[in-house]
């Protein structure tokens, strides 16, 4: 069972950052009043004495400073430390700007996936069917997934149309962030939708 704090952190770090490559966006720079809402996810490229560097999913390079107030956790809410940061490891970060410097407030250390099958999933697709405590999902590449849902699953929708499992219907387009437990079952952490389909190129009229 995931701790509530872990889910909140994951929602902040991943729900937006994971959608960045779909929109081909750059790292946002929020107004000063929202500086604590900065977030990024990606791969660690260097670790210094009191800082680390991150290559984000949007392709940006970010240097993050740490201090005594920085909190480190894994995806299950277990405490971690600066020493757990490794080059090539994947993390999610909530950070604030102090002048031109970025300071990490929370660092979510994502699991190291081994073997052919991943242990963490983020992607967009469509619901194919809904069960009592799970739903079937087809990703953009056609792969089928079964995601379990529990009290820690967070449902997000801008229009309020998706508040829980009962609101999902076959064909609903979603973004899903999920984690595979030790028993090999996939649990949905974030279910966000409905998401807009990717724009398709329009044919060019010929005179």
Protein backbone atom coordinates (compact mmCIF):
# COMPACT_ATOMS: atom_id res chain seq x y z
CA UNK A 1 0.00 0.00 0.00
CA UNK A 2 1.36 3.40 -0.91
CA UNK A 3 1.52 6.17 1.63
CA UNK A 4 -0.66 9.22 1.00
CA UNK A 5 2.31 11.57 1.05
CA UNK A 6 4.03 9.57 -1.66
CA UNK A 7 0.98 9.83 -3.90
CA UNK A 8 0.72 13.58 -3.41
CA UNK A 9 4.39 14.01 -4.25
CA UNK A 10 4.07 11.79 -7.29
CA UNK A 11 1.00 13.69 -8.48
CA UNK A 12 2.88 16.97 -8.28
CA UNK A 13 6.04 15.69 -9.91
CA UNK A 14 4.79 13.30 -12.54
CA UNK A 15 1.30 14.23 -13.66
CA UNK A 16 2.55 17.34 -15.45
CA UNK A 17 6.13 16.36 -16.18
CA UNK A 18 5.11 13.11 -17.81
CA UNK A 19 2.91 14.94 -20.28
CA UNK A 20 5.66 17.31 -21.40
CA UNK A 21 7.02 15.17 -24.25
CA UNK A 22 3.52 14.73 -25.65
CA UNK A 23 3.15 18.46 -26.01
CA UNK A 24 6.80 18.99 -27.03
CA UNK A 25 6.92 21.81 -24.47
CA UNK A 26 9.87 23.47 -22.78
CA UNK A 27 10.37 23.57 -19.01
CA UNK A 28 7.94 26.23 -17.72
CA UNK A 29 9.07 29.20 -15.65
CA UNK A 30 6.09 30.09 -13.45
CA UNK A 31 5.56 33.57 -12.00
CA UNK A 32 7.42 34.39 -8.78
CA UNK A 33 4.31 33.75 -6.71
CA UNK A 34 4.18 30.19 -7.99
CA UNK A 35 7.89 29.39 -7.77
CA UNK A 36 7.26 26.50 -5.35
CA UNK A 37 5.25 24.76 -8.04
CA UNK A 38 8.19 24.19 -10.37
CA UNK A 39 8.64 20.54 -11.16
CA UNK A 40 10.70 18.36 -13.46
CA UNK A 41 11.38 14.70 -14.13
CA UNK A 42 14.24 13.05 -15.90
CA UNK A 43 17.65 11.40 -15.62
CA UNK A 44 20.47 12.42 -13.28
CA UNK A 45 23.59 13.31 -15.27
CA UNK A 46 25.93 14.45 -12.47
CA UNK A 47 26.05 14.51 -8.67
CA UNK A 48 28.13 17.12 -6.82
CA UNK A 49 28.76 17.91 -3.17
CA UNK A 50 25.53 19.90 -2.66
CA UNK A 51 23.83 19.72 -6.02
CA UNK A 52 22.94 17.45 -8.90
CA UNK A 53 22.22 17.91 -12.58
CA UNK A 54 19.13 16.65 -14.35
CA UNK A 55 18.39 16.09 -18.04
CA UNK A 56 14.62 16.51 -18.14
CA UNK A 57 12.08 14.64 -20.23
CA UNK A 58 11.55 17.82 -22.27
CA UNK A 59 15.26 17.92 -23.19
CA UNK A 60 16.34 20.71 -20.85
CA UNK A 61 19.37 20.54 -18.53
CA UNK A 62 18.78 21.72 -14.98
CA UNK A 63 21.18 22.15 -12.04
CA UNK A 64 19.47 21.64 -8.69
CA UNK A 65 20.96 22.66 -5.36
CA UNK A 66 20.05 20.83 -2.14
CA UNK A 67 20.10 21.86 1.52
CA UNK A 68 18.98 20.58 4.90
CA UNK A 69 15.33 21.19 4.00
CA UNK A 70 15.38 18.95 0.92
CA UNK A 71 13.21 15.83 1.37
CA UNK A 72 14.04 12.56 -0.41
CA UNK A 73 11.59 9.67 -0.87
CA UNK A 74 11.07 6.63 -3.03
CA UNK A 75 7.80 5.92 -4.80
CA UNK A 76 6.46 3.98 -1.80
CA UNK A 77 7.02 6.87 0.58
CA UNK A 78 10.14 5.44 2.24
CA UNK A 79 12.73 8.05 3.25
CA UNK A 80 15.85 8.33 1.13
CA UNK A 81 18.89 10.60 1.18
CA UNK A 82 21.16 12.58 -1.11
CA UNK A 83 23.53 9.60 -1.23
CA UNK A 84 20.80 7.60 -3.02
CA UNK A 85 21.07 9.83 -6.08
CA UNK A 86 23.01 8.05 -8.81
CA UNK A 87 24.13 9.10 -12.25
CA UNK A 88 21.67 7.70 -14.84
CA UNK A 89 19.02 7.26 -12.14
CA UNK A 90 15.56 8.66 -12.78
CA UNK A 91 13.96 11.17 -10.42
CA UNK A 92 11.08 13.59 -10.12
CA UNK A 93 11.74 16.93 -8.45
CA UNK A 94 9.70 19.77 -6.97
CA UNK A 95 11.89 22.84 -6.70
CA UNK A 96 11.86 26.55 -6.03
CA UNK A 97 13.80 29.39 -7.58
CA UNK A 98 16.02 31.62 -5.47
CA UNK A 99 17.22 34.27 -7.83
CA UNK A 100 18.68 32.33 -10.74
CA UNK A 101 19.38 29.17 -8.69
CA UNK A 102 17.01 26.21 -8.42
CA UNK A 103 16.74 24.48 -5.03
CA UNK A 104 15.17 21.02 -4.76
CA UNK A 105 12.44 20.86 -2.14
CA UNK A 106 11.33 17.27 -2.76
CA UNK A 107 13.14 14.56 -4.69
CA UNK A 108 11.25 11.44 -5.68
CA UNK A 109 13.71 8.66 -6.53
CA UNK A 110 12.11 6.41 -9.11
CA UNK A 111 12.78 2.66 -9.08
CA UNK A 112 15.57 1.10 -11.10
CA UNK A 113 13.84 -1.12 -13.62
CA UNK A 114 15.66 -4.26 -14.68
CA UNK A 115 14.83 -6.87 -17.26
CA UNK A 116 12.63 -6.48 -20.30
CA UNK A 117 9.49 -5.36 -18.47
CA UNK A 118 9.27 -1.90 -16.87
CA UNK A 119 8.29 -1.36 -13.24
CA UNK A 120 6.95 2.17 -13.71
CA UNK A 121 4.54 3.28 -16.43
CA UNK A 122 3.46 6.67 -17.72
CA UNK A 123 1.49 6.93 -20.90
CA UNK A 124 -1.58 7.92 -22.84
CA UNK A 125 -4.20 5.61 -24.30
CA UNK A 126 -7.84 4.56 -24.08
CA UNK A 127 -9.96 2.60 -21.66
CA UNK A 128 -11.16 -0.68 -23.18
CA UNK A 129 -13.20 -2.02 -20.25
CA UNK A 130 -13.89 -1.34 -16.57
CA UNK A 131 -14.10 -3.90 -13.76
CA UNK A 132 -14.96 -3.70 -10.06
CA UNK A 133 -11.47 -2.67 -8.93
CA UNK A 134 -9.52 -2.30 -12.15
CA UNK A 135 -9.69 -1.17 -15.75
CA UNK A 136 -8.27 -2.41 -19.04
CA UNK A 137 -6.23 0.10 -21.00
CA UNK A 138 -4.68 0.20 -24.48
CA UNK A 139 -1.61 2.40 -24.95
CA UNK A 140 -0.84 4.43 -28.04
CA UNK A 141 1.38 1.64 -29.36
CA UNK A 142 -1.38 -0.93 -28.97
CA UNK A 143 -0.13 -2.64 -25.82
CA UNK A 144 -2.78 -3.90 -23.41
CA UNK A 145 -2.59 -3.11 -19.69
CA UNK A 146 -4.64 -4.00 -16.62
CA UNK A 147 -4.44 -1.35 -13.91
CA UNK A 148 -5.68 -2.03 -10.40
CA UNK A 149 -7.30 0.83 -8.50
CA UNK A 150 -7.32 1.37 -4.72
CA UNK A 151 -7.92 4.18 -2.23
CA UNK A 152 -4.57 5.75 -3.11
CA UNK A 153 -5.39 6.13 -6.81
CA UNK A 154 -5.85 9.79 -7.67
CA UNK A 155 -8.34 10.69 -10.41
CA UNK A 156 -7.86 14.09 -12.03
CA UNK A 157 -9.98 15.91 -14.59
CA UNK A 158 -10.24 19.59 -15.37
CA UNK A 159 -13.97 19.44 -16.01
CA UNK A 160 -14.74 17.22 -13.00
CA UNK A 161 -16.07 14.42 -15.20
CA UNK A 162 -13.69 11.78 -13.80
CA UNK A 163 -13.78 11.42 -10.03
CA UNK A 164 -13.41 7.68 -9.69
CA UNK A 165 -13.39 4.30 -11.38
CA UNK A 166 -17.14 4.40 -12.01
CA UNK A 167 -16.67 7.44 -14.27
CA UNK A 168 -14.44 5.57 -16.70
CA UNK A 169 -16.05 4.28 -19.89
CA UNK A 170 -14.74 2.28 -22.82
CA UNK A 171 -13.09 4.68 -25.23
CA UNK A 172 -12.22 7.33 -22.62
CA UNK A 173 -8.78 8.79 -23.47
CA UNK A 174 -6.53 8.93 -20.38
CA UNK A 175 -3.07 9.62 -19.07
CA UNK A 176 -2.03 6.96 -16.53
CA UNK A 177 0.92 6.78 -14.15
CA UNK A 178 1.24 3.33 -12.56
CA UNK A 179 3.61 1.24 -10.46
CA UNK A 180 4.19 -2.53 -10.54
CA UNK A 181 4.30 -4.10 -7.07
CA UNK A 182 6.36 -7.08 -5.97
CA UNK A 183 3.59 -9.46 -7.06
CA UNK A 184 3.72 -8.13 -10.62
CA UNK A 185 0.39 -6.28 -10.38
CA UNK A 186 0.09 -2.81 -11.85
CA UNK A 187 -1.51 -0.19 -9.60
CA UNK A 188 -2.69 3.12 -11.03
CA UNK A 189 -1.35 6.08 -9.05
CA UNK A 190 -2.69 8.84 -11.28
CA UNK A 191 -5.55 8.66 -13.76
CA UNK A 192 -5.97 11.90 -15.64
CA UNK A 193 -8.47 12.64 -18.35
CA UNK A 194 -10.05 12.99 -20.65
CA UNK A 195 -6.93 13.94 -22.59
CA UNK A 196 -7.11 15.54 -26.00
CA UNK A 197 -6.08 13.44 -29.00
CA UNK A 198 -2.92 14.38 -30.82
CA UNK A 199 -3.52 16.79 -33.68
CA UNK A 200 -3.41 15.22 -37.10
CA UNK A 201 -1.87 16.89 -40.12
CA UNK A 202 -4.36 18.43 -42.50
CA UNK A 203 -3.98 17.74 -46.23
CA UNK A 204 -2.57 20.62 -48.22
CA UNK A 205 -4.93 21.91 -50.87
CA UNK A 206 -3.52 22.02 -54.36
CA UNK A 207 -4.61 24.76 -56.75
